[in-house]
Amino acid sequence: MSTVRPGIAARLSQMIQLPTVSAELEQRGLEPFDAFVRLLAAQYPLVHEHLALERHTDLGLLFHWAGREPASDPLVLMAHYDVVPVDESDPWNYPPFEGRIADGSVYGCGALDDKGPLIVVIEAVENLLTDGFVPARDVYLSFGGNEETFGGAALAISEAFRERGITPWLVVDEGGAVVDSPLPFVPGSAAMIGVGEKGVVTLRLSARGDGGHASTPPTQTAVRRIARAVNRLDPSMFPARAPQAISRMLAQFSARTPGLAGIGLGVLSRMPALTARVFARLGGEPAALVRTTVAATMQSGGTAANVIPSQASATVNVRIALGETVDATVLRVRDRIADPLVGIEVLEGSEPSPESATDGAPFALLEEALSVSHPGVPAVPYVMMAATDSRHFHRFSPAVYRFAPLEMSSAQRASIHGVDESVEIAALERGERFHRALIERLQ
């Protein structure tokens, strides 16, 4: 078995130092992204010597590792190397793009989302190549540079697979992690593996009205019309349903939870309609697991404090529950607003994914690899609420799972897209071990 090369923390630090902020591509240009590609080539020479590299758009990287049985459907390991914008005036203990190594961790923007998960993939491949290992079937590494802006790099890569008639046997992307106490009253750790993900649609609501001086306001203004429309979009407008993954998750947690809490989880696992009602009433993250959510994220209108604007708008982000569709969601929003003078424009939309099975060979391989990297930690299915690049593969590949094999505390998960994002070096080493075991055990 390979010996892990020293310096994974230093290599991740170098990655973090490159500000690959996809939302600031126009201001920063492609140089940080091109520098990241050059850094990968310097850090991982065997990967670049033995794997074929294709560029898809300016930001998509697809590495192909030929296996012993090229006729078999391949494994696709995904990650993204872009990050979100940061406010450097926020109270970061260490600057977000310094890549500080301290107290057994690597700090900086992208440490968990998603350069940490990326590095454990490519580290595993480099280490296996050092041993002269050849996988049983083809392996692809799909790295996108605009996941955070719903960009087209991963879409272009997935379309290349479709055009070539290649259906992956297993796709693994970011998503869940190894977490402690995954639900209240549930003891121990669990590897939360996303077997499906919600869809997303971004809407712009717009209205026009009479402008004028604020001292003589009309009864209805564009701003009030938009405010009323947003106010009508409450959570109750979408039905609550418990996907199969939630029932399976509750059943596993029930088996390891003592007392009445375990009994209650068992009852919920067998009664999805009750689960949907209970989770919806709990609100927050439990409610988001069982229903479509809607959130107004931006509003605009007006040029001065004493001027009534003639137009106003609001941007609404909707996360669509499994089993729903973009079209049906937009129709429900239109019906709820019930105002023909409010325009509704779909800025972008992506359908929810199907659910991947947990009783087949691909999920069993994930469990086997997990037993090597995180002994005793069970693999538990759940529904991913955020959007990932893997949704493009899930349109035609039946076995797509969202899991980064890294331990993440609740504080670390809260730091994603926030302040003081960090990953433990020991977690990176176990993550590399997971992917190495996954590739070694391919059949």
Protein backbone atom coordinates (compact mmCIF):
# COMPACT_ATOMS: atom_id res chain seq x y z
CA MET A 1 0.00 0.00 0.00
CA SER A 2 1.18 3.51 -0.79
CA THR A 3 2.84 5.71 1.75
CA VAL A 4 1.20 9.11 1.73
CA ARG A 5 3.58 11.78 0.49
CA PRO A 6 4.41 14.37 3.11
CA GLY A 7 3.18 17.90 2.68
CA ILE A 8 -0.52 17.64 1.83
CA ALA A 9 -1.15 20.62 4.10
CA ALA A 10 1.51 22.70 2.32
CA ARG A 11 0.05 21.82 -1.07
CA LEU A 12 -3.46 22.78 0.04
CA SER A 13 -2.05 26.02 1.45
CA GLN A 14 -0.62 26.84 -1.97
CA MET A 15 -3.99 26.18 -3.59
CA ILE A 16 -5.79 28.45 -1.13
CA GLN A 17 -3.35 31.27 -1.86
CA LEU A 18 -4.74 31.52 -5.41
CA PRO A 19 -7.96 33.62 -5.30
CA THR A 20 -10.02 31.58 -7.75
CA VAL A 21 -13.21 33.56 -7.11
CA SER A 22 -15.53 32.70 -9.97
CA ALA A 23 -17.97 35.50 -9.11
CA GLU A 24 -15.12 37.98 -9.64
CA LEU A 25 -13.90 36.50 -12.91
CA GLU A 26 -14.48 39.72 -14.83
CA GLN A 27 -12.45 41.77 -12.33
CA ARG A 28 -9.65 39.26 -11.64
CA GLY A 29 -9.48 37.63 -15.05
CA LEU A 30 -8.47 34.03 -15.75
CA GLU A 31 -4.96 34.31 -14.28
CA PRO A 32 -5.79 32.87 -10.80
CA PHE A 33 -7.50 29.93 -12.50
CA ASP A 34 -4.67 29.38 -14.98
CA ALA A 35 -2.21 29.63 -12.09
CA PHE A 36 -4.18 26.91 -10.30
CA VAL A 37 -3.86 24.63 -13.33
CA ARG A 38 -0.11 25.27 -13.44
CA LEU A 39 0.12 24.57 -9.71
CA LEU A 40 -1.60 21.21 -10.14
CA ALA A 41 0.92 20.28 -12.83
CA ALA A 42 3.82 21.17 -10.52
CA GLN A 43 2.37 19.43 -7.47
CA TYR A 44 1.20 16.26 -9.21
CA PRO A 45 3.68 15.33 -11.94
CA LEU A 46 2.66 11.67 -12.20
CA VAL A 47 -1.00 12.58 -12.67
CA HIS A 48 -0.03 14.82 -15.56
CA GLU A 49 2.35 12.23 -17.00
CA HIS A 50 0.01 9.24 -16.92
CA LEU A 51 -3.48 10.76 -17.22
CA ALA A 52 -4.80 12.51 -20.33
CA LEU A 53 -6.03 16.04 -19.64
CA GLU A 54 -8.84 17.70 -21.57
CA ARG A 55 -9.97 21.31 -21.13
CA HIS A 56 -13.69 21.98 -21.36
CA THR A 57 -14.46 25.68 -21.58
CA ASP A 58 -11.78 27.81 -19.91
CA LEU A 59 -12.45 26.34 -16.47
CA GLY A 60 -13.23 22.63 -16.81
CA LEU A 61 -10.46 20.06 -16.26
CA LEU A 62 -11.05 16.40 -17.13
CA PHE A 63 -8.31 13.88 -16.37
CA HIS A 64 -8.66 10.36 -17.83
CA TRP A 65 -6.88 7.41 -16.19
CA ALA A 66 -7.13 4.32 -18.38
CA GLY A 67 -8.01 1.15 -16.48
CA ARG A 68 -7.41 -2.53 -17.11
CA GLU A 69 -10.95 -3.00 -18.45
CA PRO A 70 -11.68 0.08 -20.59
CA ALA A 71 -15.00 -1.42 -21.75
CA SER A 72 -16.38 -1.16 -18.20
CA ASP A 73 -18.31 1.93 -17.18
CA PRO A 74 -15.98 4.35 -15.38
CA LEU A 75 -15.65 5.96 -11.98
CA VAL A 76 -15.90 9.78 -11.97
CA LEU A 77 -14.49 11.73 -9.01
CA MET A 78 -15.57 15.36 -8.98
CA ALA A 79 -14.58 18.56 -7.19
CA HIS A 80 -14.39 22.27 -7.93
CA TYR A 81 -11.55 24.72 -7.43
CA ASP A 82 -13.40 28.02 -7.47
CA VAL A 83 -14.42 29.78 -4.26
CA VAL A 84 -16.93 32.40 -3.19
CA PRO A 85 -16.12 36.09 -2.67
CA VAL A 86 -15.00 37.08 0.81
CA ASP A 87 -15.07 40.30 2.78
CA GLU A 88 -11.53 40.60 4.07
CA SER A 89 -12.71 43.14 6.66
CA ASP A 90 -14.61 40.34 8.42
CA PRO A 91 -12.95 39.07 11.63
CA TRP A 92 -10.82 36.33 10.08
CA ASN A 93 -8.20 35.00 12.48
CA TYR A 94 -6.00 34.45 9.44
CA PRO A 95 -6.34 36.20 6.07
CA PRO A 96 -8.69 34.20 3.82
CA PHE A 97 -6.15 33.72 1.01
CA GLU A 98 -3.03 33.22 3.12
CA GLY A 99 -3.46 29.46 3.52
CA ARG A 100 -2.17 29.55 7.08
CA ILE A 101 -1.17 26.22 8.62
CA ALA A 102 -1.72 26.37 12.38
CA ASP A 103 -2.87 24.15 15.24
CA GLY A 104 -3.02 21.05 13.06
CA SER A 105 -5.30 22.65 10.46
CA VAL A 106 -5.17 24.56 7.18
CA TYR A 107 -7.12 27.82 7.19
CA GLY A 108 -8.51 29.79 4.30
CA CYS A 109 -11.23 30.24 1.73
CA GLY A 110 -11.78 26.90 0.00
CA ALA A 111 -10.27 24.71 2.72
CA LEU A 112 -13.55 22.77 2.88
CA ASP A 113 -15.38 24.11 -0.17
CA ASP A 114 -13.92 22.67 -2.24
CA LYS A 115 -10.14 22.62 -2.50
CA GLY A 116 -9.80 20.31 0.49
CA PRO A 117 -12.06 17.66 -1.08
CA LEU A 118 -10.27 18.19 -4.41
CA ILE A 119 -6.80 17.66 -3.01
CA VAL A 120 -7.65 14.34 -1.33
CA VAL A 121 -8.80 13.01 -4.71
CA ILE A 122 -5.72 13.99 -6.68
CA GLU A 123 -3.39 13.04 -3.81
CA ALA A 124 -4.81 9.52 -3.84
CA VAL A 125 -4.26 9.18 -7.58
CA GLU A 126 -0.69 10.50 -7.37
CA ASN A 127 0.11 8.08 -4.54
CA LEU A 128 -1.33 5.11 -6.42
CA LEU A 129 0.65 6.06 -9.52
CA THR A 130 3.78 6.14 -7.39
CA ASP A 131 3.18 2.42 -6.74
CA GLY A 132 2.54 1.71 -10.41
CA PHE A 133 -1.10 0.91 -9.69
CA VAL A 134 -3.60 0.56 -12.56
CA PRO A 135 -7.33 0.67 -11.69
CA ALA A 136 -9.70 -2.09 -12.74
CA ARG A 137 -11.82 0.32 -14.78
CA ASP A 138 -11.31 3.81 -16.19
CA VAL A 139 -11.21 6.67 -13.69
CA TYR A 140 -11.99 10.29 -14.53
CA LEU A 141 -11.21 13.33 -12.41
CA SER A 142 -13.65 16.13 -13.20
CA PHE A 143 -12.65 19.50 -11.71
CA GLY A 144 -14.77 22.59 -12.41
CA GLY A 145 -13.82 26.22 -11.97
CA ASN A 146 -17.23 27.88 -11.77
CA GLU A 147 -19.43 25.72 -9.58
CA GLU A 148 -20.13 28.61 -7.22
CA THR A 149 -21.66 30.65 -10.05
CA PHE A 150 -23.65 27.75 -11.55
CA GLY A 151 -21.26 27.90 -14.47
CA GLY A 152 -20.96 25.65 -17.46
CA ALA A 153 -17.64 23.83 -16.89
CA ALA A 154 -19.14 20.71 -15.30
CA LEU A 155 -22.09 20.84 -17.71
CA ALA A 156 -19.68 20.82 -20.67
CA ILE A 157 -17.82 17.86 -19.19
CA SER A 158 -21.01 15.89 -18.57
CA GLU A 159 -22.21 16.65 -22.11
CA ALA A 160 -18.92 15.27 -23.45
CA PHE A 161 -19.68 12.00 -21.64
CA ARG A 162 -23.15 11.90 -23.13
CA GLU A 163 -21.91 12.62 -26.64
CA ARG A 164 -19.36 9.81 -26.32
CA GLY A 165 -21.95 7.38 -25.00
CA ILE A 166 -20.18 6.98 -21.64
CA THR A 167 -22.41 6.30 -18.63
CA PRO A 168 -20.43 6.42 -15.36
CA TRP A 169 -20.75 3.43 -13.07
CA LEU A 170 -20.23 5.69 -10.05
CA VAL A 171 -19.95 9.47 -9.61
CA VAL A 172 -18.72 11.02 -6.34
CA ASP A 173 -18.83 14.76 -5.74
CA GLU A 174 -18.83 17.11 -2.74
CA GLY A 175 -21.81 17.14 -0.41
CA GLY A 176 -22.07 15.36 2.90
CA ALA A 177 -19.22 14.76 5.32
CA VAL A 178 -18.29 12.79 8.42
CA VAL A 179 -20.19 14.52 11.21
CA ASP A 180 -20.74 14.07 14.94
CA SER A 181 -24.28 13.80 16.35
CA PRO A 182 -25.96 14.11 12.94
CA LEU A 183 -29.36 14.66 14.60
CA PRO A 184 -30.33 15.63 18.16
CA PHE A 185 -30.29 12.56 20.42
CA VAL A 186 -28.37 10.51 17.82
CA PRO A 187 -24.96 9.55 19.26
CA GLY A 188 -21.67 8.99 17.47
CA SER A 189 -20.45 9.90 14.02
CA ALA A 190 -22.01 9.29 10.62
CA ALA A 191 -20.84 9.66 7.05
CA MET A 192 -23.71 11.58 5.50
CA ILE A 193 -23.90 10.68 1.81
CA GLY A 194 -26.17 12.71 -0.43
CA VAL A 195 -28.12 10.35 -2.68
CA GLY A 196 -30.05 13.17 -4.33
CA GLU A 197 -30.12 16.94 -4.39
CA LYS A 198 -32.78 19.59 -4.55
CA GLY A 199 -33.28 21.63 -7.67
CA VAL A 200 -32.87 25.37 -7.82
CA VAL A 201 -34.58 28.18 -9.65
CA THR A 202 -33.77 31.87 -9.37
CA LEU A 203 -36.61 34.27 -10.14
CA ARG A 204 -36.74 38.01 -10.64
CA LEU A 205 -39.97 39.70 -9.64
CA SER A 206 -40.50 43.12 -11.20
CA ALA A 207 -43.18 45.78 -11.15
CA ARG A 208 -43.73 49.26 -12.51
CA GLY A 209 -45.81 52.09 -11.12
CA ASP A 210 -46.22 55.83 -10.98
CA GLY A 211 -43.14 57.61 -9.69
CA GLY A 212 -43.08 61.00 -8.11
CA HIS A 213 -42.36 62.93 -4.95
CA ALA A 214 -42.48 60.97 -1.72
CA SER A 215 -44.60 63.67 -0.11
CA THR A 216 -47.63 62.69 -2.20
CA PRO A 217 -47.47 58.90 -2.56
CA PRO A 218 -50.07 57.02 -4.59
CA THR A 219 -52.05 54.20 -3.00
CA GLN A 220 -49.99 51.52 -4.73
CA THR A 221 -46.33 51.86 -5.70
CA ALA A 222 -43.92 49.52 -7.45
CA VAL A 223 -42.05 49.01 -4.19
CA ARG A 224 -45.21 48.12 -2.25
CA ARG A 225 -46.35 45.78 -5.00
CA ILE A 226 -43.05 43.89 -4.90
CA ALA A 227 -43.06 43.84 -1.09
CA ARG A 228 -46.56 42.36 -1.11
CA ALA A 229 -45.56 39.73 -3.66
CA VAL A 230 -42.54 38.67 -1.61
CA ASN A 231 -44.62 38.55 1.56
CA ARG A 232 -47.04 36.12 -0.07
CA LEU A 233 -44.26 33.59 -0.72
CA ASP A 234 -44.34 31.77 2.61
CA PRO A 235 -43.17 28.18 3.28
CA SER A 236 -46.68 26.78 3.52
CA MET A 237 -47.24 27.27 -0.20
CA PHE A 238 -45.28 24.09 -0.97
CA PRO A 239 -46.36 20.61 0.12
CA ALA A 240 -44.18 18.60 2.47
CA ARG A 241 -43.05 15.13 1.38
CA ALA A 242 -40.39 12.86 2.87
CA PRO A 243 -38.08 11.36 0.21
CA GLN A 244 -37.07 7.71 0.53
CA ALA A 245 -33.57 8.82 1.57
CA ILE A 246 -34.96 10.50 4.69
CA SER A 247 -36.84 7.34 5.70
CA ARG A 248 -33.67 5.28 5.25
CA MET A 249 -31.68 7.83 7.23
CA LEU A 250 -34.15 7.73 10.12
CA ALA A 251 -34.18 3.92 10.13
CA GLN A 252 -30.40 3.81 10.50
CA PHE A 253 -30.39 6.42 13.23
CA SER A 254 -33.17 4.59 15.06
CA ALA A 255 -31.09 1.43 15.28
CA ARG A 256 -28.26 3.24 17.08
CA THR A 257 -30.26 5.63 19.27
CA PRO A 258 -31.28 4.39 22.72
CA GLY A 259 -34.55 4.99 24.53
CA LEU A 260 -37.66 6.79 23.40
CA ALA A 261 -35.75 8.89 20.87
CA GLY A 262 -34.76 5.74 19.00
CA ILE A 263 -38.31 4.42 19.08
CA GLY A 264 -39.61 7.74 17.76
CA LEU A 265 -37.11 7.76 14.91
CA GLY A 266 -38.17 4.22 14.03
CA VAL A 267 -41.81 5.25 13.87
CA LEU A 268 -40.97 8.20 11.63
CA SER A 269 -38.89 5.99 9.33
CA ARG A 270 -41.98 3.85 8.66
CA MET A 271 -44.41 6.74 8.26
CA PRO A 272 -43.13 9.22 5.65
CA ALA A 273 -46.32 11.31 5.72
CA LEU A 274 -45.91 11.84 9.46
CA THR A 275 -42.21 12.57 8.98
CA ALA A 276 -43.06 15.25 6.44
CA ARG A 277 -45.50 16.93 8.82
CA VAL A 278 -43.14 16.76 11.80
CA PHE A 279 -40.11 18.04 9.90
CA ALA A 280 -42.11 20.85 8.31
CA ARG A 281 -43.28 22.01 11.75
CA LEU A 282 -39.72 21.95 13.09
CA GLY A 283 -38.69 24.54 10.50
CA GLY A 284 -35.12 25.33 9.48
CA GLU A 285 -32.99 22.48 8.16
CA PRO A 286 -35.51 19.68 8.93
CA ALA A 287 -38.22 21.54 6.99
CA ALA A 288 -35.85 22.11 4.09
CA LEU A 289 -35.35 18.35 3.81
CA VAL A 290 -39.03 17.73 3.07
CA ARG A 291 -40.30 20.75 1.15
CA THR A 292 -39.40 23.37 -1.40
CA THR A 293 -37.99 26.50 0.21
CA VAL A 294 -38.23 30.07 -1.01
CA ALA A 295 -36.10 33.02 0.04
CA ALA A 296 -35.98 36.59 -1.21
CA THR A 297 -32.28 37.41 -1.48
CA MET A 298 -32.05 40.80 -3.23
CA GLN A 299 -34.27 43.83 -3.69
CA SER A 300 -33.78 46.99 -5.71
CA GLY A 301 -35.64 50.15 -6.65
CA GLY A 302 -35.30 53.83 -6.07
CA THR A 303 -32.65 56.47 -6.51
CA ALA A 304 -33.24 58.86 -3.61
CA ALA A 305 -34.86 58.90 -0.19
CA ASN A 306 -37.55 61.37 -1.25
CA VAL A 307 -38.37 59.94 -4.68
CA ILE A 308 -40.95 57.23 -5.32
CA PRO A 309 -39.39 54.88 -7.89
CA SER A 310 -41.31 53.96 -11.00
CA GLN A 311 -39.96 50.41 -10.94
CA ALA A 312 -38.81 47.88 -8.35
CA SER A 313 -37.63 44.29 -8.33
CA ALA A 314 -36.71 41.41 -6.04
CA THR A 315 -34.66 38.27 -6.61
CA VAL A 316 -36.04 35.07 -5.14
CA ASN A 317 -34.07 31.84 -4.69
CA VAL A 318 -36.15 28.66 -4.65
CA ARG A 319 -34.76 25.24 -3.72
CA ILE A 320 -37.02 22.62 -5.27
CA ALA A 321 -37.83 19.43 -3.39
CA LEU A 322 -37.24 16.03 -4.93
CA GLY A 323 -40.24 14.99 -7.01
CA GLU A 324 -41.15 18.55 -8.01
CA THR A 325 -40.25 20.40 -11.22
CA VAL A 326 -39.08 23.88 -12.18
CA ASP A 327 -42.19 24.56 -14.27
CA ALA A 328 -44.61 23.49 -11.53
CA THR A 329 -42.69 25.56 -8.99
CA VAL A 330 -42.81 28.71 -11.11
CA LEU A 331 -46.54 28.18 -11.68
CA ARG A 332 -47.12 27.84 -7.93
CA VAL A 333 -45.19 31.06 -7.30
CA ARG A 334 -47.25 32.85 -9.94
CA ASP A 335 -50.52 31.57 -8.46
CA ARG A 336 -49.51 32.56 -4.93
CA ILE A 337 -48.47 36.08 -5.89
CA ALA A 338 -51.77 36.44 -7.77
CA ASP A 339 -50.86 39.78 -9.29
CA PRO A 340 -50.67 40.08 -13.09
CA LEU A 341 -48.77 43.35 -12.73
CA VAL A 342 -45.82 41.54 -11.14
CA GLY A 343 -43.53 40.13 -13.79
CA ILE A 344 -41.81 36.81 -13.06
CA GLU A 345 -38.60 36.05 -14.96
CA VAL A 346 -36.70 32.78 -14.63
CA LEU A 347 -33.03 33.72 -14.42
CA GLU A 348 -31.76 30.14 -14.10
CA GLY A 349 -33.27 26.80 -13.29
CA SER A 350 -32.12 23.26 -12.59
CA GLU A 351 -34.39 20.31 -11.89
CA PRO A 352 -34.08 18.24 -8.70
CA SER A 353 -32.09 15.06 -9.16
CA PRO A 354 -33.47 11.55 -8.82
CA GLU A 355 -32.42 9.46 -5.81
CA SER A 356 -29.53 7.03 -6.19
CA ALA A 357 -29.91 3.56 -4.74
CA THR A 358 -28.29 2.47 -1.49
CA ASP A 359 -28.62 -1.28 -2.08
CA GLY A 360 -26.30 -1.67 -5.08
CA ALA A 361 -22.61 -2.22 -5.73
CA PRO A 362 -21.67 1.49 -6.09
CA PHE A 363 -22.96 2.41 -2.62
CA ALA A 364 -21.41 -0.77 -1.21
CA LEU A 365 -18.04 0.38 -2.58
CA LEU A 366 -18.41 3.69 -0.77
CA GLU A 367 -19.12 1.79 2.45
CA GLU A 368 -16.08 -0.43 1.91
CA ALA A 369 -13.78 2.54 1.35
CA LEU A 370 -15.25 4.24 4.40
CA SER A 371 -14.45 1.19 6.52
CA VAL A 372 -10.78 1.70 5.61
CA SER A 373 -10.58 5.46 6.17
CA HIS A 374 -13.11 5.84 9.01
CA PRO A 375 -13.56 2.43 10.69
CA GLY A 376 -16.87 2.03 12.50
CA VAL A 377 -18.51 5.09 10.91
CA PRO A 378 -21.73 4.12 9.09
CA ALA A 379 -22.70 5.46 5.67
CA VAL A 380 -26.07 7.20 5.99
CA PRO A 381 -28.10 8.51 3.03
CA TYR A 382 -29.62 11.97 3.02
CA VAL A 383 -30.84 14.67 0.62
CA MET A 384 -28.42 17.43 -0.38
CA MET A 385 -30.07 20.83 -0.11
CA ALA A 386 -27.44 22.85 -1.99
CA ALA A 387 -26.60 22.48 -5.68
CA THR A 388 -23.47 20.65 -6.87
CA ASP A 389 -21.81 20.07 -10.21
CA SER A 390 -22.82 16.41 -10.02
CA ARG A 391 -26.42 17.29 -10.87
CA HIS A 392 -25.36 17.42 -14.53
CA PHE A 393 -24.26 13.77 -14.38
CA HIS A 394 -27.36 12.72 -12.47
CA ARG A 395 -29.48 13.46 -15.53
CA PHE A 396 -28.15 10.28 -17.16
CA SER A 397 -26.04 8.40 -14.60
CA PRO A 398 -27.96 6.32 -12.02
CA ALA A 399 -25.30 6.17 -9.27
CA VAL A 400 -24.35 9.69 -8.19
CA TYR A 401 -23.37 10.39 -4.57
CA ARG A 402 -22.37 13.57 -2.80
CA PHE A 403 -19.78 13.00 -0.09
CA ALA A 404 -16.52 14.62 0.92
CA PRO A 405 -14.63 12.13 3.14
CA LEU A 406 -13.59 14.77 5.68
CA GLU A 407 -14.59 15.24 9.31
CA MET A 408 -16.50 18.49 9.72
CA SER A 409 -17.72 19.81 13.05
CA SER A 410 -20.83 21.97 13.19
CA ALA A 411 -18.57 25.03 13.53
CA GLN A 412 -16.59 24.02 10.46
CA ARG A 413 -19.74 23.46 8.43
CA ALA A 414 -20.98 26.90 9.50
CA SER A 415 -17.69 28.44 8.31
CA ILE A 416 -18.28 27.34 4.70
CA HIS A 417 -18.95 30.53 2.71
CA GLY A 418 -18.16 32.33 5.96
CA VAL A 419 -15.26 33.24 8.22
CA ASP A 420 -12.31 31.07 9.32
CA GLU A 421 -12.96 28.12 7.03
CA SER A 422 -10.52 25.36 7.97
CA VAL A 423 -9.79 21.67 7.63
CA GLU A 424 -7.76 19.44 9.92
CA ILE A 425 -4.62 17.94 8.41
CA ALA A 426 -5.52 14.55 9.90
CA ALA A 427 -8.88 14.76 8.12
CA LEU A 428 -7.11 15.38 4.81
CA GLU A 429 -4.97 12.30 5.35
CA ARG A 430 -8.03 10.16 6.08
CA GLY A 431 -9.78 11.65 3.06
CA GLU A 432 -6.86 10.63 0.84
CA ARG A 433 -7.05 7.13 2.33
CA PHE A 434 -10.76 6.94 1.46
CA HIS A 435 -10.22 7.73 -2.22
CA ARG A 436 -7.20 5.46 -2.43
CA ALA A 437 -9.28 2.58 -1.03
CA LEU A 438 -12.17 3.45 -3.36
CA ILE A 439 -9.95 3.21 -6.43
CA GLU A 440 -8.04 0.14 -5.22
CA ARG A 441 -11.26 -1.79 -4.67
CA LEU A 442 -12.85 -1.05 -8.03
CA GLN A 443 -13.90 -4.19 -9.87
